[in-house]
C-alpha atoms as a PDB file:
ATOM      1  CA  MET A   1      10.221  11.125  13.780  1.00  0.00           C
ATOM      2  CA  LYS A   2       9.601   7.776  12.828  1.00  0.00           C
ATOM      3  CA  ARG A   3      10.335   6.605   9.463  1.00  0.00           C
ATOM      4  CA  GLY A   4       9.141   3.578   7.496  1.00  0.00           C
ATOM      5  CA  LEU A   5       7.120   2.153   4.805  1.00  0.00           C
ATOM      6  CA  PHE A   6       3.287   1.443   4.054  1.00  0.00           C
ATOM      7  CA  LEU A   7       3.107  -1.895   2.305  1.00  0.00           C
ATOM      8  CA  THR A   8       0.359  -3.645   0.489  1.00  0.00           C
ATOM      9  CA  ALA A   9       0.739  -7.345   1.539  1.00  0.00           C
ATOM     10  CA  GLY A  10       2.714  -9.172  -1.107  1.00  0.00           C
ATOM     11  CA  ALA A  11       3.997  -5.648  -3.104  1.00  0.00           C
ATOM     12  CA  GLY A  12       5.682  -3.629  -1.406  1.00  0.00           C
ATOM     13  CA  LEU A  13       5.575  -0.185  -1.190  1.00  0.00           C
ATOM     14  CA  LEU A  14       3.072   2.188  -2.536  1.00  0.00           C
ATOM     15  CA  PHE A  15       3.650   5.591  -2.691  1.00  0.00           C
ATOM     16  CA  ALA A  16       0.480   7.280  -2.546  1.00  0.00           C
ATOM     17  CA  ALA A  17      -3.475   6.715  -1.942  1.00  0.00           C
ATOM     18  CA  GLY A  18      -7.049   7.827  -2.926  1.00  0.00           C
ATOM     19  CA  CYS A  19     -10.337   6.773  -3.972  1.00  0.00           C
ATOM     20  CA  GLY A  20     -13.598   6.316  -2.750  1.00  0.00           C
ATOM     21  CA  ASP A  21     -17.205   7.157  -4.280  1.00  0.00           C
ATOM     22  CA  GLY A  22     -16.891   8.224  -7.507  1.00  0.00           C
ATOM     23  CA  ASN A  23     -20.873   9.097  -7.576  1.00  0.00           C
ATOM     24  CA  VAL A  24     -19.904  12.045  -4.840  1.00  0.00           C
ATOM     25  CA  ASN A  25     -17.643  14.173  -7.175  1.00  0.00           C
ATOM     26  CA  PRO A  26     -20.293  14.926  -9.961  1.00  0.00           C
ATOM     27  CA  ASP A  27     -18.220  17.686 -11.607  1.00  0.00           C
ATOM     28  CA  ASN A  28     -15.323  15.686 -11.779  1.00  0.00           C
ATOM     29  CA  GLU A  29     -14.106  15.861 -15.382  1.00  0.00           C
ATOM     30  CA  ASN A  30     -12.579  11.680 -14.657  1.00  0.00           C
ATOM     31  CA  MET A  31     -15.672  10.387 -14.134  1.00  0.00           C
ATOM     32  CA  GLU A  32     -14.965   7.909 -17.143  1.00  0.00           C
ATOM     33  CA  TRP A  33     -11.919   6.750 -15.871  1.00  0.00           C
ATOM     34  CA  GLU A  34     -12.835   6.973 -11.992  1.00  0.00           C
ATOM     35  CA  ASP A  35     -15.895   4.727 -13.209  1.00  0.00           C
ATOM     36  CA  GLU A  36     -13.417   2.049 -14.852  1.00  0.00           C
ATOM     37  CA  ALA A  37     -11.036   1.978 -12.501  1.00  0.00           C
ATOM     38  CA  SER A  38     -14.189   1.042 -10.015  1.00  0.00           C
ATOM     39  CA  ASP A  39     -15.659  -1.356 -12.231  1.00  0.00           C
ATOM     40  CA  GLU A  40     -11.907  -2.747 -12.305  1.00  0.00           C
ATOM     41  CA  LEU A  41     -11.138  -3.010  -9.031  1.00  0.00           C
ATOM     42  CA  GLY A  42     -14.879  -3.644  -7.297  1.00  0.00           C
ATOM     43  CA  ALA A  43     -15.064  -0.973  -5.449  1.00  0.00           C
ATOM     44  CA  ASP A  44     -16.203   2.510  -5.338  1.00  0.00           C
ATOM     45  CA  VAL A  45     -13.007   5.077  -6.537  1.00  0.00           C
ATOM     46  CA  PHE A  46     -12.906   8.753  -5.770  1.00  0.00           C
ATOM     47  CA  ILE A  47     -10.294  10.513  -6.725  1.00  0.00           C
ATOM     48  CA  PRO A  48      -9.866  14.015  -5.613  1.00  0.00           C
ATOM     49  CA  GLU A  49      -9.019  16.973  -8.050  1.00  0.00           C
ATOM     50  CA  SER A  50      -6.878  19.213  -6.941  1.00  0.00           C
ATOM     51  CA  GLU A  51      -7.010  22.692  -7.533  1.00  0.00           C
ATOM     52  CA  ASN A  52      -3.435  23.264  -7.923  1.00  0.00           C
ATOM     53  CA  TYR A  53      -1.778  20.040  -9.261  1.00  0.00           C
ATOM     54  CA  PRO A  54      -3.585  18.756 -12.165  1.00  0.00           C
ATOM     55  CA  ILE A  55      -3.924  14.655 -12.502  1.00  0.00           C
ATOM     56  CA  THR A  56      -1.304  13.694 -14.813  1.00  0.00           C
ATOM     57  CA  LEU A  57      -1.586  10.089 -14.769  1.00  0.00           C
ATOM     58  CA  ALA A  58      -3.329   7.173 -13.664  1.00  0.00           C
ATOM     59  CA  TYR A  59      -3.059   3.591 -13.988  1.00  0.00           C
ATOM     60  CA  LEU A  60      -4.503   0.468 -12.684  1.00  0.00           C
ATOM     61  CA  GLU A  61      -1.806  -2.489 -11.510  1.00  0.00           C
ATOM     62  CA  ASP A  62      -1.730  -6.016 -10.192  1.00  0.00           C
ATOM     63  CA  SER A  63      -0.016  -4.924  -6.188  1.00  0.00           C
ATOM     64  CA  GLY A  64       1.082  -8.632  -6.125  1.00  0.00           C
ATOM     65  CA  GLY A  65       2.118  -8.586 -10.052  1.00  0.00           C
ATOM     66  CA  GLY A  66      -0.072 -10.750 -11.277  1.00  0.00           C
ATOM     67  CA  ASP A  67      -2.758 -10.351 -13.846  1.00  0.00           C
ATOM     68  CA  ASP A  68      -5.841  -9.219 -11.413  1.00  0.00           C
ATOM     69  CA  HIS A  69      -5.947  -5.356 -10.829  1.00  0.00           C
ATOM     70  CA  ASP A  70      -6.303  -4.581  -7.408  1.00  0.00           C
ATOM     71  CA  THR A  71      -4.321  -1.048  -7.359  1.00  0.00           C
ATOM     72  CA  VAL A  72      -5.341   2.598  -8.744  1.00  0.00           C
ATOM     73  CA  VAL A  73      -2.475   5.080  -9.012  1.00  0.00           C
ATOM     74  CA  VAL A  74      -2.815   8.814  -9.848  1.00  0.00           C
ATOM     75  CA  HIS A  75       0.136  11.381 -10.207  1.00  0.00           C
ATOM     76  CA  TYR A  76      -0.537  15.535  -9.777  1.00  0.00           C
ATOM     77  CA  HIS A  77       2.022  17.392 -10.915  1.00  0.00           C
ATOM     78  CA  GLU A  78       2.826  21.347 -10.147  1.00  0.00           C
ATOM     79  CA  GLY A  79       3.102  23.759 -13.389  1.00  0.00           C
ATOM     80  CA  PHE A  80       1.224  21.370 -15.490  1.00  0.00           C
ATOM     81  CA  ASP A  81      -1.692  23.098 -17.968  1.00  0.00           C
ATOM     82  CA  GLY A  82      -3.645  20.246 -18.471  1.00  0.00           C
ATOM     83  CA  GLY A  83      -2.675  19.692 -22.400  1.00  0.00           C
ATOM     84  CA  GLU A  84      -3.502  16.436 -25.050  1.00  0.00           C
ATOM     85  CA  GLU A  85      -2.236  13.313 -24.104  1.00  0.00           C
ATOM     86  CA  ALA A  86       1.314  13.100 -24.550  1.00  0.00           C
ATOM     87  CA  MET A  87       2.084   9.679 -25.678  1.00  0.00           C
ATOM     88  CA  THR A  88       0.639   7.831 -29.285  1.00  0.00           C
ATOM     89  CA  GLU A  89      -1.482   4.840 -28.974  1.00  0.00           C
ATOM     90  CA  GLU A  90       1.458   3.096 -29.890  1.00  0.00           C
ATOM     91  CA  ALA A  91       3.413   4.597 -27.229  1.00  0.00           C
ATOM     92  CA  GLN A  92       0.450   3.820 -24.552  1.00  0.00           C
ATOM     93  CA  GLU A  93       0.859   0.709 -25.297  1.00  0.00           C
ATOM     94  CA  ALA A  94       4.030   0.220 -25.183  1.00  0.00           C
ATOM     95  CA  TRP A  95       4.376   1.984 -21.398  1.00  0.00           C
ATOM     96  CA  GLU A  96       1.740  -0.910 -20.332  1.00  0.00           C
ATOM     97  CA  GLU A  97       3.893  -4.019 -21.450  1.00  0.00           C
ATOM     98  CA  GLU A  98       7.104  -2.370 -20.221  1.00  0.00           C
ATOM     99  CA  ASN A  99       4.932  -1.013 -16.551  1.00  0.00           C
ATOM    100  CA  ASP A 100       2.717  -4.188 -16.456  1.00  0.00           C
ATOM    101  CA  ALA A 101      -0.090  -1.097 -15.803  1.00  0.00           C
ATOM    102  CA  GLN A 102      -3.332  -0.398 -17.753  1.00  0.00           C
ATOM    103  CA  LEU A 103      -3.151   2.911 -18.193  1.00  0.00           C
ATOM    104  CA  LEU A 104      -6.567   5.052 -17.967  1.00  0.00           C
ATOM    105  CA  TYR A 105      -5.352   8.817 -17.633  1.00  0.00           C
ATOM    106  CA  GLU A 106      -2.304  10.482 -19.692  1.00  0.00           C
ATOM    107  CA  ARG A 107      -1.529  13.936 -20.060  1.00  0.00           C
ATOM    108  CA  GLY A 108       2.168  14.960 -20.786  1.00  0.00           C
ATOM    109  CA  ALA A 109       4.098  16.512 -17.259  1.00  0.00           C
ATOM    110  CA  ASP A 110       6.527  18.802 -17.446  1.00  0.00           C
ATOM    111  CA  GLY A 111       6.384  19.840 -13.302  1.00  0.00           C
ATOM    112  CA  ASN A 112       7.827  18.434 -10.765  1.00  0.00           C
ATOM    113  CA  GLN A 113       5.097  15.571  -9.283  1.00  0.00           C
ATOM    114  CA  VAL A 114       3.806  16.923  -5.585  1.00  0.00           C
ATOM    115  CA  ILE A 115       1.165  14.364  -4.594  1.00  0.00           C
ATOM    116  CA  ASP A 116       1.171  10.498  -5.493  1.00  0.00           C
ATOM    117  CA  LEU A 117      -2.367   8.945  -4.378  1.00  0.00           C
ATOM    118  CA  THR A 118      -3.524   5.328  -4.053  1.00  0.00           C
ATOM    119  CA  PHE A 119      -6.478   3.366  -3.819  1.00  0.00           C
ATOM    120  CA  THR A 120      -5.845  -0.710  -3.467  1.00  0.00           C
ATOM    121  CA  THR A 121      -8.372  -3.362  -2.503  1.00  0.00           C
ATOM    122  CA  ALA A 122      -5.197  -5.124  -1.237  1.00  0.00           C
ATOM    123  CA  GLU A 123      -4.218  -5.426   2.551  1.00  0.00           C
ATOM    124  CA  ALA A 124      -2.281  -2.492   3.536  1.00  0.00           C
ATOM    125  CA  VAL A 125       0.149  -2.162   6.045  1.00  0.00           C
ATOM    126  CA  SER A 126       2.590   0.281   7.795  1.00  0.00           C
ATOM    127  CA  SER A 127       5.480  -0.861   9.266  1.00  0.00           C
ATOM    128  CA  GLU A 128       6.200   2.173  11.117  1.00  0.00           C
ATOM    129  CA  GLY A 129       4.256   5.817  12.153  1.00  0.00           C
ATOM    130  CA  GLU A 130       2.300   8.108  14.247  1.00  0.00           C
ATOM    131  CA  GLU A 131      -1.136   8.053  14.119  1.00  0.00           C
ATOM    132  CA  VAL A 132      -2.838  11.686  13.354  1.00  0.00           C
ATOM    133  CA  GLU A 133      -6.090  12.690  13.232  1.00  0.00           C
ATOM    134  CA  ILE A 134      -7.354  15.014  10.535  1.00  0.00           C
ATOM    135  CA  ASN A 135     -11.094  15.744   9.910  1.00  0.00           C
ATOM    136  CA  GLY A 136     -11.956  13.992  13.247  1.00  0.00           C
ATOM    137  CA  GLU A 137     -10.420  10.607  11.555  1.00  0.00           C
ATOM    138  CA  GLU A 138      -7.635   8.763  12.907  1.00  0.00           C
ATOM    139  CA  VAL A 139      -5.006   8.266  10.121  1.00  0.00           C
ATOM    140  CA  MET A 140      -1.441   6.678   9.997  1.00  0.00           C
ATOM    141  CA  ARG A 141       1.622   9.419   9.006  1.00  0.00           C
ATOM    142  CA  GLU A 142       5.053   8.705   7.968  1.00  0.00           C
ATOM    143  CA  GLU A 143       7.671  11.121   6.585  1.00  0.00           C
ATOM    144  CA  ASP A 144      10.217   9.409   4.417  1.00  0.00           C
ATOM    145  CA  ASN A 145      12.982  11.255   2.955  1.00  0.00           C
ATOM    146  CA  ASP A 146      10.867  14.958   3.424  1.00  0.00           C
ATOM    147  CA  ILE A 147       8.169  13.094   1.859  1.00  0.00           C
ATOM    148  CA  LEU A 148       5.017  12.812   3.637  1.00  0.00           C
ATOM    149  CA  HIS A 149       2.606   9.628   3.459  1.00  0.00           C
ATOM    150  CA  TYR A 150      -0.614   9.181   4.408  1.00  0.00           C
ATOM    151  CA  MET A 151      -2.030   5.714   5.058  1.00  0.00           C
ATOM    152  CA  ILE A 152      -6.620   6.123   5.133  1.00  0.00           C
ATOM    153  CA  PRO A 153      -8.051   2.866   5.655  1.00  0.00           C
ATOM    154  CA  VAL A 154     -12.166   2.464   4.357  1.00  0.00           C
ATOM    155  CA  GLU A 155     -14.328  -0.545   3.891  1.00  0.00           C
ATOM    156  CA  GLU A 156     -13.424  -1.058   0.609  1.00  0.00           C
ATOM    157  CA  GLY A 157      -9.463  -0.583   0.603  1.00  0.00           C
ATOM    158  CA  THR A 158      -6.777   1.366   1.593  1.00  0.00           C
ATOM    159  CA  TYR A 159      -5.806   5.679   0.256  1.00  0.00           C
ATOM    160  CA  ILE A 160      -2.481   5.961   0.607  1.00  0.00           C
ATOM    161  CA  VAL A 161      -1.718   9.443  -0.008  1.00  0.00           C
ATOM    162  CA  SER A 162       2.409  10.841  -0.677  1.00  0.00           C
ATOM    163  CA  TYR A 163       2.994  14.340  -0.606  1.00  0.00           C
ATOM    164  CA  MET A 164       6.205  15.666  -2.205  1.00  0.00           C
ATOM    165  CA  PRO A 165       5.790  19.411  -0.430  1.00  0.00           C
ATOM    166  CA  GLY A 166       7.691  22.223  -2.242  1.00  0.00           C
ATOM    167  CA  PRO A 167       8.659  25.733  -1.905  1.00  0.00           C
ATOM    168  CA  ASP A 168       4.895  26.852  -1.585  1.00  0.00           C
ATOM    169  CA  ALA A 169       3.732  23.844  -0.027  1.00  0.00           C
ATOM    170  CA  GLY A 170       3.908  21.817   3.187  1.00  0.00           C
ATOM    171  CA  GLU A 171       1.898  19.597   5.573  1.00  0.00           C
ATOM    172  CA  GLU A 172      -1.381  22.193   5.902  1.00  0.00           C
ATOM    173  CA  GLU A 173      -1.939  21.838   2.408  1.00  0.00           C
ATOM    174  CA  ALA A 174      -1.279  17.529   2.379  1.00  0.00           C
ATOM    175  CA  GLU A 175      -3.532  17.511   5.033  1.00  0.00           C
ATOM    176  CA  SER A 176      -5.891  19.296   3.305  1.00  0.00           C
ATOM    177  CA  PHE A 177      -6.097  17.050   0.389  1.00  0.00           C
ATOM    178  CA  VAL A 178      -6.259  13.755   2.426  1.00  0.00           C
ATOM    179  CA  GLY A 179      -8.972  15.708   4.495  1.00  0.00           C
ATOM    180  CA  ASP A 180     -11.466  15.705   1.518  1.00  0.00           C
ATOM    181  CA  ILE A 181     -10.831  11.984   0.687  1.00  0.00           C
ATOM    182  CA  ILE A 182     -11.608  11.405   3.901  1.00  0.00           C
ATOM    183  CA  ASP A 183     -14.839  13.796   4.295  1.00  0.00           C
ATOM    184  CA  GLU A 184     -16.084  11.923   0.154  1.00  0.00           C
ATOM    185  CA  THR A 185     -15.160   8.092   1.892  1.00  0.00           C
ATOM    186  CA  GLY A 186     -16.348   8.162   5.585  1.00  0.00           C
END
């Protein structure tokens, strides 16, 4: 098994991927902040929903540590019922300052994080991995400390999906999630 890291130029490890055509998912409850991410990044951003793992956090950042956003990161958790925002406005501002990021969406999460999805317009490279075919497309796949990483290049950037399988989920579910991104952005 090959091991390595997915890196963005000048930035370092990105734990996940995901974005594409925001207009492809008209029933998506996240459309408003997807549109904001698309506008900020200058790219169509698609954030897939997961039936089993609700989105609990989404934010914009600059992978190179500057002020120009080139990346959106989305966290999905198990055992979460999609409740209300957990942070006060003051706490959100403090989080943004501490993380040097712009918060798009936040809900409190009690369960384990299962998917970390990143879409970046920065150059993304894989230090190691193997090509696998998912839904007719070649994508780069790595496994690192039992976390499955998939890199999906698209015209406007790269999706990186990091999937942390649990007792009820595995590689098949990860590849289905990646396949949804490929289908919507290809």
